[in-house]
Amino acid sequence: MKATDQGENGEYYAVIFSSQRTDGDNGYVRMAEEMERLAAEQPGFIGVDSVRDASGAGITISYWESLEAIANWKRDEAHLAAQRRGKQDWYRDYKVRICKVEREYSFPMEIER
């Protein structure tokens, strides 16, 4: 994600999805790839970062221009189906946090906004 991809006034939102997976794939990888592809097509989508360790603990952070864009993605039919499947088959537990990002900087250092 580049700073130039941020929403209005340099501010944007992050949806932090932390989870603990169940054992086995059960179609998870394919669905995760599909959800990332579909999210990227949504108005207001900026980018995504995701990591998972060997124990199944993971964090996926998606970045959005607005709360409205997040709400629209949450209501997407394919995303709703993936959420149901996640509760049923893929996650022991999860937590979702929505945060407003007011500033971003990186190394090598970019101009702070």
N, C-alpha and C. Protein backbone atom coordinates (compact mmCIF):
# COMPACT_ATOMS: atom_id res chain seq x y z
N MET A 1 0.84 -1.17 0.00
CA MET A 1 0.00 0.00 0.00
C MET A 1 0.88 1.23 0.00
N LYS A 2 0.59 2.18 -0.84
CA LYS A 2 1.36 3.41 -0.92
C LYS A 2 0.56 4.54 -0.30
N ALA A 3 1.27 5.52 0.26
CA ALA A 3 0.61 6.67 0.87
C ALA A 3 -0.32 7.37 -0.12
N THR A 4 0.03 7.35 -1.40
CA THR A 4 -0.81 8.00 -2.40
C THR A 4 -2.14 7.28 -2.58
N ASP A 5 -2.26 6.06 -2.05
CA ASP A 5 -3.50 5.31 -2.16
C ASP A 5 -4.48 5.61 -1.03
N GLN A 6 -4.11 6.51 -0.13
CA GLN A 6 -4.95 6.81 1.03
C GLN A 6 -6.20 7.57 0.62
N GLY A 7 -7.15 7.58 1.54
CA GLY A 7 -8.39 8.29 1.31
C GLY A 7 -8.21 9.79 1.43
N GLU A 8 -9.33 10.49 1.44
CA GLU A 8 -9.36 11.94 1.52
C GLU A 8 -8.61 12.42 2.76
N ASN A 9 -7.86 13.50 2.64
CA ASN A 9 -7.09 14.10 3.74
C ASN A 9 -6.01 13.17 4.29
N GLY A 10 -5.61 12.15 3.55
CA GLY A 10 -4.57 11.24 4.03
C GLY A 10 -5.05 10.25 5.06
N GLU A 11 -6.31 10.31 5.44
CA GLU A 11 -6.87 9.39 6.43
C GLU A 11 -7.59 8.26 5.72
N TYR A 12 -7.58 7.12 6.36
CA TYR A 12 -8.28 5.95 5.82
C TYR A 12 -8.58 5.01 6.99
N TYR A 13 -9.15 3.88 6.72
CA TYR A 13 -9.56 2.95 7.76
C TYR A 13 -8.89 1.60 7.57
N ALA A 14 -8.64 0.94 8.69
CA ALA A 14 -8.07 -0.40 8.68
C ALA A 14 -9.03 -1.34 9.39
N VAL A 15 -9.33 -2.47 8.76
CA VAL A 15 -10.11 -3.53 9.38
C VAL A 15 -9.10 -4.61 9.75
N ILE A 16 -8.94 -4.83 11.05
CA ILE A 16 -7.97 -5.79 11.56
C ILE A 16 -8.73 -7.06 11.96
N PHE A 17 -8.46 -8.13 11.25
CA PHE A 17 -9.11 -9.41 11.48
C PHE A 17 -8.07 -10.37 12.04
N SER A 18 -8.14 -10.64 13.35
CA SER A 18 -7.21 -11.59 13.97
C SER A 18 -7.98 -12.87 14.24
N SER A 19 -7.33 -14.01 13.97
CA SER A 19 -8.05 -15.28 14.04
C SER A 19 -7.15 -16.43 14.43
N GLN A 20 -7.81 -17.48 14.87
CA GLN A 20 -7.14 -18.77 15.11
C GLN A 20 -7.85 -19.79 14.24
N ARG A 21 -7.10 -20.41 13.33
CA ARG A 21 -7.65 -21.38 12.39
C ARG A 21 -7.93 -22.73 13.06
N THR A 22 -8.84 -23.47 12.46
CA THR A 22 -9.05 -24.87 12.79
C THR A 22 -8.01 -25.68 12.03
N ASP A 23 -7.92 -26.96 12.32
CA ASP A 23 -6.98 -27.83 11.61
C ASP A 23 -7.48 -28.12 10.20
N GLY A 24 -6.55 -28.32 9.28
CA GLY A 24 -6.90 -28.69 7.91
C GLY A 24 -7.27 -27.49 7.07
N ASP A 25 -7.16 -27.64 5.77
CA ASP A 25 -7.45 -26.55 4.85
C ASP A 25 -8.94 -26.39 4.62
N ASN A 26 -9.63 -27.47 4.30
CA ASN A 26 -11.08 -27.46 4.07
C ASN A 26 -11.53 -26.37 3.10
N GLY A 27 -10.70 -26.07 2.09
CA GLY A 27 -11.06 -25.05 1.11
C GLY A 27 -10.72 -23.63 1.51
N TYR A 28 -10.05 -23.48 2.64
CA TYR A 28 -9.77 -22.14 3.16
C TYR A 28 -8.88 -21.31 2.24
N VAL A 29 -7.77 -21.85 1.78
CA VAL A 29 -6.81 -21.08 0.97
C VAL A 29 -7.48 -20.56 -0.29
N ARG A 30 -8.23 -21.42 -0.95
CA ARG A 30 -8.94 -21.00 -2.17
C ARG A 30 -9.91 -19.87 -1.89
N MET A 31 -10.67 -19.98 -0.80
CA MET A 31 -11.64 -18.94 -0.46
C MET A 31 -10.94 -17.65 -0.05
N ALA A 32 -9.85 -17.75 0.69
CA ALA A 32 -9.11 -16.55 1.10
C ALA A 32 -8.60 -15.80 -0.13
N GLU A 33 -8.07 -16.52 -1.10
CA GLU A 33 -7.60 -15.90 -2.34
C GLU A 33 -8.75 -15.24 -3.09
N GLU A 34 -9.89 -15.91 -3.14
CA GLU A 34 -11.06 -15.36 -3.81
C GLU A 34 -11.57 -14.10 -3.11
N MET A 35 -11.59 -14.10 -1.78
CA MET A 35 -12.05 -12.93 -1.04
C MET A 35 -11.11 -11.75 -1.25
N GLU A 36 -9.82 -12.00 -1.29
CA GLU A 36 -8.87 -10.92 -1.55
C GLU A 36 -9.09 -10.35 -2.95
N ARG A 37 -9.33 -11.21 -3.93
CA ARG A 37 -9.58 -10.76 -5.29
C ARG A 37 -10.86 -9.93 -5.36
N LEU A 38 -11.92 -10.41 -4.72
CA LEU A 38 -13.20 -9.68 -4.72
C LEU A 38 -13.10 -8.36 -3.97
N ALA A 39 -12.41 -8.36 -2.83
CA ALA A 39 -12.24 -7.13 -2.06
C ALA A 39 -11.55 -6.07 -2.91
N ALA A 40 -10.54 -6.49 -3.67
CA ALA A 40 -9.78 -5.56 -4.50
C ALA A 40 -10.65 -4.89 -5.56
N GLU A 41 -11.77 -5.50 -5.90
CA GLU A 41 -12.69 -4.94 -6.90
C GLU A 41 -13.69 -3.96 -6.27
N GLN A 42 -13.74 -3.89 -4.96
CA GLN A 42 -14.74 -3.06 -4.28
C GLN A 42 -14.35 -1.59 -4.29
N PRO A 43 -15.32 -0.70 -4.52
CA PRO A 43 -15.04 0.73 -4.41
C PRO A 43 -14.53 1.05 -3.00
N GLY A 44 -13.48 1.82 -2.92
CA GLY A 44 -12.93 2.24 -1.64
C GLY A 44 -11.86 1.32 -1.08
N PHE A 45 -11.61 0.19 -1.72
CA PHE A 45 -10.56 -0.72 -1.25
C PHE A 45 -9.20 -0.13 -1.58
N ILE A 46 -8.28 -0.18 -0.61
CA ILE A 46 -6.94 0.35 -0.80
C ILE A 46 -5.90 -0.76 -0.89
N GLY A 47 -5.98 -1.74 0.00
CA GLY A 47 -4.98 -2.81 0.00
C GLY A 47 -5.20 -3.76 1.15
N VAL A 48 -4.31 -4.76 1.25
CA VAL A 48 -4.44 -5.77 2.29
C VAL A 48 -3.06 -6.30 2.66
N ASP A 49 -2.87 -6.61 3.92
CA ASP A 49 -1.69 -7.30 4.44
C ASP A 49 -2.18 -8.49 5.25
N SER A 50 -1.48 -9.63 5.15
CA SER A 50 -1.94 -10.81 5.86
C SER A 50 -0.76 -11.69 6.24
N VAL A 51 -0.81 -12.24 7.46
CA VAL A 51 0.21 -13.19 7.94
C VAL A 51 -0.49 -14.27 8.76
N ARG A 52 0.10 -15.47 8.76
CA ARG A 52 -0.40 -16.57 9.57
C ARG A 52 0.80 -17.40 9.99
N ASP A 53 0.84 -17.83 11.26
CA ASP A 53 1.97 -18.64 11.72
C ASP A 53 1.62 -20.13 11.70
N ALA A 54 2.59 -20.95 12.06
CA ALA A 54 2.43 -22.41 12.00
C ALA A 54 1.35 -22.92 12.94
N SER A 55 1.03 -22.18 14.00
CA SER A 55 0.00 -22.61 14.94
C SER A 55 -1.41 -22.30 14.44
N GLY A 56 -1.50 -21.53 13.33
CA GLY A 56 -2.80 -21.17 12.79
C GLY A 56 -3.27 -19.79 13.20
N ALA A 57 -2.50 -19.09 14.03
CA ALA A 57 -2.85 -17.72 14.41
C ALA A 57 -2.54 -16.79 13.24
N GLY A 58 -3.46 -15.90 12.93
CA GLY A 58 -3.26 -15.01 11.80
C GLY A 58 -3.85 -13.64 12.01
N ILE A 59 -3.34 -12.70 11.23
CA ILE A 59 -3.87 -11.34 11.21
C ILE A 59 -3.95 -10.90 9.75
N THR A 60 -5.13 -10.44 9.36
CA THR A 60 -5.32 -9.84 8.05
C THR A 60 -5.82 -8.43 8.27
N ILE A 61 -5.17 -7.48 7.65
CA ILE A 61 -5.57 -6.07 7.76
C ILE A 61 -5.92 -5.59 6.36
N SER A 62 -7.17 -5.18 6.20
CA SER A 62 -7.57 -4.58 4.93
C SER A 62 -7.75 -3.09 5.15
N TYR A 63 -7.44 -2.32 4.11
CA TYR A 63 -7.45 -0.86 4.20
C TYR A 63 -8.50 -0.30 3.26
N TRP A 64 -9.26 0.67 3.77
CA TRP A 64 -10.42 1.20 3.05
C TRP A 64 -10.47 2.71 3.15
N GLU A 65 -11.03 3.34 2.13
CA GLU A 65 -11.14 4.79 2.10
C GLU A 65 -12.18 5.34 3.08
N SER A 66 -13.21 4.54 3.41
CA SER A 66 -14.30 5.06 4.24
C SER A 66 -14.98 3.94 5.01
N LEU A 67 -15.74 4.35 6.04
CA LEU A 67 -16.56 3.39 6.78
C LEU A 67 -17.66 2.83 5.88
N GLU A 68 -18.15 3.65 4.97
CA GLU A 68 -19.18 3.19 4.04
C GLU A 68 -18.64 2.06 3.16
N ALA A 69 -17.41 2.19 2.68
CA ALA A 69 -16.81 1.14 1.85
C ALA A 69 -16.68 -0.16 2.64
N ILE A 70 -16.32 -0.05 3.91
CA ILE A 70 -16.21 -1.23 4.78
C ILE A 70 -17.58 -1.88 4.95
N ALA A 71 -18.59 -1.07 5.22
CA ALA A 71 -19.95 -1.60 5.40
C ALA A 71 -20.45 -2.28 4.14
N ASN A 72 -20.15 -1.70 2.99
CA ASN A 72 -20.57 -2.31 1.73
C ASN A 72 -19.89 -3.66 1.52
N TRP A 73 -18.61 -3.76 1.85
CA TRP A 73 -17.89 -5.04 1.72
C TRP A 73 -18.47 -6.07 2.70
N LYS A 74 -18.78 -5.65 3.91
CA LYS A 74 -19.33 -6.57 4.91
C LYS A 74 -20.65 -7.17 4.42
N ARG A 75 -21.42 -6.41 3.63
CA ARG A 75 -22.72 -6.86 3.12
C ARG A 75 -22.64 -7.59 1.79
N ASP A 76 -21.46 -7.67 1.19
CA ASP A 76 -21.31 -8.36 -0.10
C ASP A 76 -21.73 -9.82 0.06
N GLU A 77 -22.54 -10.32 -0.87
CA GLU A 77 -23.10 -11.68 -0.77
C GLU A 77 -22.02 -12.76 -0.69
N ALA A 78 -21.01 -12.67 -1.54
CA ALA A 78 -19.93 -13.68 -1.51
C ALA A 78 -19.15 -13.60 -0.20
N HIS A 79 -18.96 -12.38 0.28
CA HIS A 79 -18.26 -12.20 1.56
C HIS A 79 -19.10 -12.76 2.72
N LEU A 80 -20.40 -12.54 2.67
CA LEU A 80 -21.30 -13.10 3.70
C LEU A 80 -21.23 -14.63 3.71
N ALA A 81 -21.20 -15.23 2.53
CA ALA A 81 -21.08 -16.69 2.45
C ALA A 81 -19.76 -17.17 3.03
N ALA A 82 -18.68 -16.44 2.75
CA ALA A 82 -17.37 -16.80 3.31
C ALA A 82 -17.37 -16.64 4.83
N GLN A 83 -18.05 -15.61 5.34
CA GLN A 83 -18.13 -15.42 6.79
C GLN A 83 -18.86 -16.60 7.45
N ARG A 84 -19.96 -17.02 6.84
CA ARG A 84 -20.70 -18.17 7.39
C ARG A 84 -19.81 -19.42 7.40
N ARG A 85 -19.12 -19.64 6.31
CA ARG A 85 -18.24 -20.81 6.22
C ARG A 85 -17.09 -20.70 7.23
N GLY A 86 -16.60 -19.51 7.44
CA GLY A 86 -15.54 -19.31 8.42
C GLY A 86 -15.98 -19.71 9.82
N LYS A 87 -17.17 -19.30 10.21
CA LYS A 87 -17.70 -19.66 11.53
C LYS A 87 -17.93 -21.17 11.64
N GLN A 88 -18.33 -21.76 10.55
CA GLN A 88 -18.67 -23.18 10.52
C GLN A 88 -17.43 -24.08 10.45
N ASP A 89 -16.46 -23.71 9.60
CA ASP A 89 -15.38 -24.64 9.26
C ASP A 89 -13.95 -24.16 9.54
N TRP A 90 -13.67 -22.87 9.48
CA TRP A 90 -12.29 -22.44 9.39
C TRP A 90 -11.71 -21.79 10.63
N TYR A 91 -12.51 -21.24 11.50
CA TYR A 91 -11.98 -20.48 12.64
C TYR A 91 -12.41 -21.05 13.98
N ARG A 92 -11.45 -21.15 14.88
CA ARG A 92 -11.78 -21.47 16.28
C ARG A 92 -12.35 -20.22 16.94
N ASP A 93 -11.72 -19.09 16.62
CA ASP A 93 -12.20 -17.80 17.12
C ASP A 93 -11.62 -16.71 16.24
N TYR A 94 -12.23 -15.55 16.32
CA TYR A 94 -11.70 -14.39 15.61
C TYR A 94 -12.19 -13.11 16.27
N LYS A 95 -11.52 -12.03 15.96
CA LYS A 95 -11.89 -10.71 16.44
C LYS A 95 -11.69 -9.73 15.29
N VAL A 96 -12.63 -8.78 15.15
CA VAL A 96 -12.54 -7.75 14.13
C VAL A 96 -12.45 -6.40 14.83
N ARG A 97 -11.48 -5.61 14.39
CA ARG A 97 -11.33 -4.25 14.90
C ARG A 97 -11.33 -3.31 13.70
N ILE A 98 -12.03 -2.19 13.81
CA ILE A 98 -12.02 -1.18 12.75
C ILE A 98 -11.41 0.08 13.33
N CYS A 99 -10.37 0.56 12.67
CA CYS A 99 -9.59 1.69 13.18
C CYS A 99 -9.45 2.77 12.12
N LYS A 100 -9.42 4.00 12.56
CA LYS A 100 -9.13 5.11 11.65
C LYS A 100 -7.63 5.35 11.68
N VAL A 101 -7.03 5.35 10.51
CA VAL A 101 -5.60 5.61 10.38
C VAL A 101 -5.45 7.10 10.04
N GLU A 102 -4.84 7.82 10.93
CA GLU A 102 -4.70 9.26 10.73
C GLU A 102 -3.38 9.66 10.11
N ARG A 103 -2.41 8.76 10.20
CA ARG A 103 -1.09 9.09 9.66
C ARG A 103 -0.38 7.80 9.31
N GLU A 104 0.49 7.90 8.33
CA GLU A 104 1.27 6.76 7.89
C GLU A 104 2.68 7.23 7.56
N TYR A 105 3.66 6.43 7.93
CA TYR A 105 5.03 6.68 7.49
C TYR A 105 5.75 5.36 7.40
N SER A 106 6.88 5.34 6.72
CA SER A 106 7.57 4.08 6.49
C SER A 106 9.07 4.31 6.37
N PHE A 107 9.79 3.25 6.25
CA PHE A 107 11.23 3.29 6.01
C PHE A 107 11.49 2.61 4.68
N PRO A 108 12.19 3.14 3.72
CA PRO A 108 12.81 4.45 3.88
C PRO A 108 11.72 5.52 4.08
N MET A 109 12.05 6.48 4.90
CA MET A 109 11.10 7.48 5.35
C MET A 109 10.46 8.22 4.18
N GLU A 110 9.14 8.28 4.22
CA GLU A 110 8.38 9.10 3.27
C GLU A 110 7.99 10.38 3.98
N ILE A 111 7.49 11.33 3.25
CA ILE A 111 7.02 12.56 3.87
C ILE A 111 5.82 12.22 4.74
N GLU A 112 5.88 12.63 6.01
CA GLU A 112 4.78 12.36 6.94
C GLU A 112 3.58 13.21 6.55
N ARG A 113 2.40 12.60 6.61
CA ARG A 113 1.17 13.32 6.26
C ARG A 113 0.32 13.51 7.47
